[in-house]
N, C-alpha and C. Protein backbone atom coordinates (compact mmCIF):
# COMPACT_ATOMS: atom_id res chain seq x y z
N MET A 1 7.18 -200.75 -146.67
CA MET A 1 6.46 -200.25 -145.52
C MET A 1 7.22 -200.65 -144.25
N PRO A 2 7.47 -199.71 -143.35
CA PRO A 2 8.20 -200.03 -142.12
C PRO A 2 7.39 -200.93 -141.18
N ASP A 3 8.10 -201.70 -140.41
CA ASP A 3 7.49 -202.59 -139.42
C ASP A 3 7.01 -201.76 -138.23
N PRO A 4 5.72 -201.82 -137.88
CA PRO A 4 5.20 -201.01 -136.77
C PRO A 4 5.91 -201.28 -135.44
N ALA A 5 6.28 -202.51 -135.17
CA ALA A 5 6.98 -202.81 -133.91
C ALA A 5 8.32 -202.10 -133.85
N ARG A 6 9.02 -202.03 -134.96
CA ARG A 6 10.31 -201.36 -134.99
C ARG A 6 10.15 -199.85 -134.78
N LEU A 7 9.14 -199.27 -135.41
CA LEU A 7 8.86 -197.84 -135.19
C LEU A 7 8.52 -197.57 -133.74
N ARG A 8 7.71 -198.42 -133.14
CA ARG A 8 7.31 -198.26 -131.74
C ARG A 8 8.53 -198.35 -130.83
N ASP A 9 9.46 -199.25 -131.12
CA ASP A 9 10.68 -199.37 -130.31
C ASP A 9 11.51 -198.10 -130.34
N SER A 10 11.44 -197.35 -131.44
CA SER A 10 12.25 -196.14 -131.54
C SER A 10 11.52 -194.90 -131.06
N THR A 11 10.23 -195.04 -130.71
CA THR A 11 9.47 -193.87 -130.27
C THR A 11 8.89 -193.99 -128.88
N GLU A 12 9.17 -195.10 -128.19
CA GLU A 12 8.66 -195.24 -126.82
C GLU A 12 9.57 -196.14 -125.98
N ILE A 13 9.49 -195.89 -124.68
CA ILE A 13 10.17 -196.73 -123.70
C ILE A 13 9.10 -197.17 -122.72
N VAL A 14 9.04 -198.45 -122.44
CA VAL A 14 8.10 -198.99 -121.46
C VAL A 14 8.92 -199.54 -120.31
N LEU A 15 8.59 -199.10 -119.08
CA LEU A 15 9.34 -199.55 -117.92
C LEU A 15 8.47 -199.44 -116.68
N PRO A 16 8.89 -200.08 -115.58
CA PRO A 16 8.12 -199.97 -114.34
C PRO A 16 8.09 -198.51 -113.87
N CYS A 17 6.92 -198.05 -113.43
CA CYS A 17 6.78 -196.66 -112.98
C CYS A 17 7.72 -196.34 -111.82
N GLY A 18 8.02 -197.30 -110.99
CA GLY A 18 8.93 -197.08 -109.88
C GLY A 18 10.32 -196.66 -110.33
N SER A 19 10.69 -197.02 -111.55
CA SER A 19 12.00 -196.64 -112.09
C SER A 19 12.11 -195.14 -112.31
N LEU A 20 10.96 -194.47 -112.41
CA LEU A 20 10.96 -193.03 -112.68
C LEU A 20 10.81 -192.18 -111.43
N ASP A 21 10.80 -192.83 -110.26
CA ASP A 21 10.67 -192.08 -109.01
C ASP A 21 11.76 -191.00 -108.92
N GLY A 22 11.33 -189.76 -108.80
CA GLY A 22 12.26 -188.65 -108.69
C GLY A 22 12.80 -188.16 -110.02
N LEU A 23 12.47 -188.82 -111.12
CA LEU A 23 12.99 -188.45 -112.44
C LEU A 23 11.92 -187.97 -113.40
N ARG A 24 10.67 -188.32 -113.14
CA ARG A 24 9.59 -188.05 -114.11
C ARG A 24 9.46 -186.56 -114.44
N ASP A 25 9.40 -185.70 -113.44
CA ASP A 25 9.24 -184.26 -113.69
C ASP A 25 10.42 -183.70 -114.48
N GLU A 26 11.62 -184.13 -114.12
CA GLU A 26 12.81 -183.66 -114.83
C GLU A 26 12.82 -184.14 -116.28
N LEU A 27 12.38 -185.38 -116.50
CA LEU A 27 12.31 -185.92 -117.87
C LEU A 27 11.38 -185.06 -118.73
N GLU A 28 10.19 -184.79 -118.20
CA GLU A 28 9.22 -184.03 -118.97
C GLU A 28 9.64 -182.57 -119.16
N ALA A 29 10.44 -182.04 -118.25
CA ALA A 29 10.92 -180.66 -118.38
C ALA A 29 12.11 -180.56 -119.34
N GLU A 30 12.99 -181.55 -119.31
CA GLU A 30 14.22 -181.48 -120.09
C GLU A 30 14.07 -182.00 -121.52
N PHE A 31 13.17 -182.95 -121.72
CA PHE A 31 13.00 -183.58 -123.03
C PHE A 31 11.58 -183.36 -123.54
N THR A 32 11.41 -183.40 -124.85
CA THR A 32 10.09 -183.27 -125.45
C THR A 32 9.48 -184.65 -125.55
N VAL A 33 8.98 -185.13 -124.40
CA VAL A 33 8.36 -186.45 -124.30
C VAL A 33 7.12 -186.34 -123.41
N SER A 34 6.29 -187.35 -123.50
CA SER A 34 5.14 -187.48 -122.61
C SER A 34 5.29 -188.79 -121.86
N VAL A 35 4.91 -188.78 -120.59
CA VAL A 35 4.98 -189.98 -119.77
C VAL A 35 3.55 -190.36 -119.41
N PHE A 36 3.17 -191.59 -119.75
CA PHE A 36 1.83 -192.10 -119.47
C PHE A 36 1.94 -193.31 -118.57
N SER A 37 0.99 -193.44 -117.65
CA SER A 37 0.91 -194.64 -116.81
C SER A 37 -0.05 -195.60 -117.49
N ARG A 38 0.49 -196.75 -117.91
CA ARG A 38 -0.36 -197.78 -118.52
C ARG A 38 -1.18 -198.46 -117.43
N SER A 39 -0.58 -198.64 -116.32
CA SER A 39 -1.22 -199.20 -115.14
C SER A 39 -0.45 -198.61 -113.97
N GLU A 40 -0.76 -199.03 -112.77
CA GLU A 40 -0.01 -198.49 -111.64
C GLU A 40 1.43 -198.99 -111.64
N ALA A 41 1.67 -200.06 -112.37
CA ALA A 41 3.01 -200.66 -112.37
C ALA A 41 3.84 -200.31 -113.59
N GLN A 42 3.21 -199.93 -114.70
CA GLN A 42 3.96 -199.77 -115.95
C GLN A 42 3.72 -198.39 -116.56
N CYS A 43 4.81 -197.74 -117.00
CA CYS A 43 4.75 -196.42 -117.63
C CYS A 43 5.32 -196.47 -119.04
N ARG A 44 4.83 -195.56 -119.89
CA ARG A 44 5.33 -195.40 -121.25
C ARG A 44 5.88 -193.99 -121.39
N ILE A 45 7.06 -193.87 -121.95
CA ILE A 45 7.64 -192.59 -122.31
C ILE A 45 7.58 -192.53 -123.82
N VAL A 46 6.90 -191.52 -124.37
CA VAL A 46 6.67 -191.43 -125.80
C VAL A 46 7.28 -190.13 -126.33
N GLY A 47 7.99 -190.24 -127.45
CA GLY A 47 8.59 -189.06 -128.08
C GLY A 47 9.18 -189.43 -129.43
N SER A 48 9.85 -188.48 -130.04
CA SER A 48 10.49 -188.73 -131.33
C SER A 48 11.68 -189.67 -131.12
N PRO A 49 12.13 -190.33 -132.18
CA PRO A 49 13.29 -191.22 -132.04
C PRO A 49 14.51 -190.52 -131.45
N VAL A 50 14.73 -189.27 -131.81
CA VAL A 50 15.88 -188.53 -131.28
C VAL A 50 15.72 -188.31 -129.77
N GLU A 51 14.53 -187.91 -129.34
CA GLU A 51 14.28 -187.67 -127.92
C GLU A 51 14.34 -188.99 -127.13
N ILE A 52 13.80 -190.06 -127.68
CA ILE A 52 13.82 -191.35 -126.99
C ILE A 52 15.25 -191.82 -126.79
N LYS A 53 16.10 -191.63 -127.77
CA LYS A 53 17.52 -192.00 -127.62
C LYS A 53 18.16 -191.17 -126.50
N ALA A 54 17.88 -189.88 -126.47
CA ALA A 54 18.43 -189.01 -125.43
C ALA A 54 17.90 -189.41 -124.05
N VAL A 55 16.62 -189.74 -123.96
CA VAL A 55 16.03 -190.18 -122.69
C VAL A 55 16.65 -191.50 -122.25
N ASN A 56 16.85 -192.40 -123.20
CA ASN A 56 17.49 -193.68 -122.90
C ASN A 56 18.88 -193.45 -122.27
N ASP A 57 19.66 -192.56 -122.87
CA ASP A 57 20.99 -192.23 -122.34
C ASP A 57 20.88 -191.60 -120.96
N TYR A 58 19.93 -190.69 -120.79
CA TYR A 58 19.70 -190.02 -119.50
C TYR A 58 19.36 -191.04 -118.41
N LEU A 59 18.43 -191.94 -118.73
CA LEU A 59 18.04 -192.96 -117.74
C LEU A 59 19.22 -193.86 -117.39
N ALA A 60 20.01 -194.24 -118.38
CA ALA A 60 21.18 -195.07 -118.11
C ALA A 60 22.16 -194.36 -117.18
N ARG A 61 22.35 -193.05 -117.39
CA ARG A 61 23.25 -192.29 -116.51
C ARG A 61 22.74 -192.20 -115.08
N HIS A 62 21.42 -192.34 -114.92
CA HIS A 62 20.81 -192.29 -113.59
C HIS A 62 20.55 -193.69 -113.02
N GLY A 63 21.15 -194.69 -113.63
CA GLY A 63 21.09 -196.04 -113.08
C GLY A 63 19.80 -196.80 -113.35
N VAL A 64 19.02 -196.34 -114.30
CA VAL A 64 17.78 -197.04 -114.64
C VAL A 64 18.08 -198.01 -115.77
N SER A 65 17.89 -199.31 -115.49
CA SER A 65 18.13 -200.30 -116.53
C SER A 65 16.82 -200.52 -117.28
N LEU A 66 16.94 -200.57 -118.60
CA LEU A 66 15.75 -200.73 -119.43
C LEU A 66 15.60 -202.18 -119.86
N PRO A 67 14.35 -202.65 -119.89
CA PRO A 67 14.11 -204.04 -120.30
C PRO A 67 14.41 -204.27 -121.75
């Protein structure tokens, strides 16, 4: 049985919502992901492992460092 934490790491990105300023609409338009605000300070990007990897690369190209 797979470890749930490992699956979650490959299907979501959690980061400060401020990191997505100016990028959120483009992310949701370009990738098959959903962006949720956990609180006013923290957002979750949820998608398939393939999409999350692509989003991770996209964010890195736009200077967003992931925790």
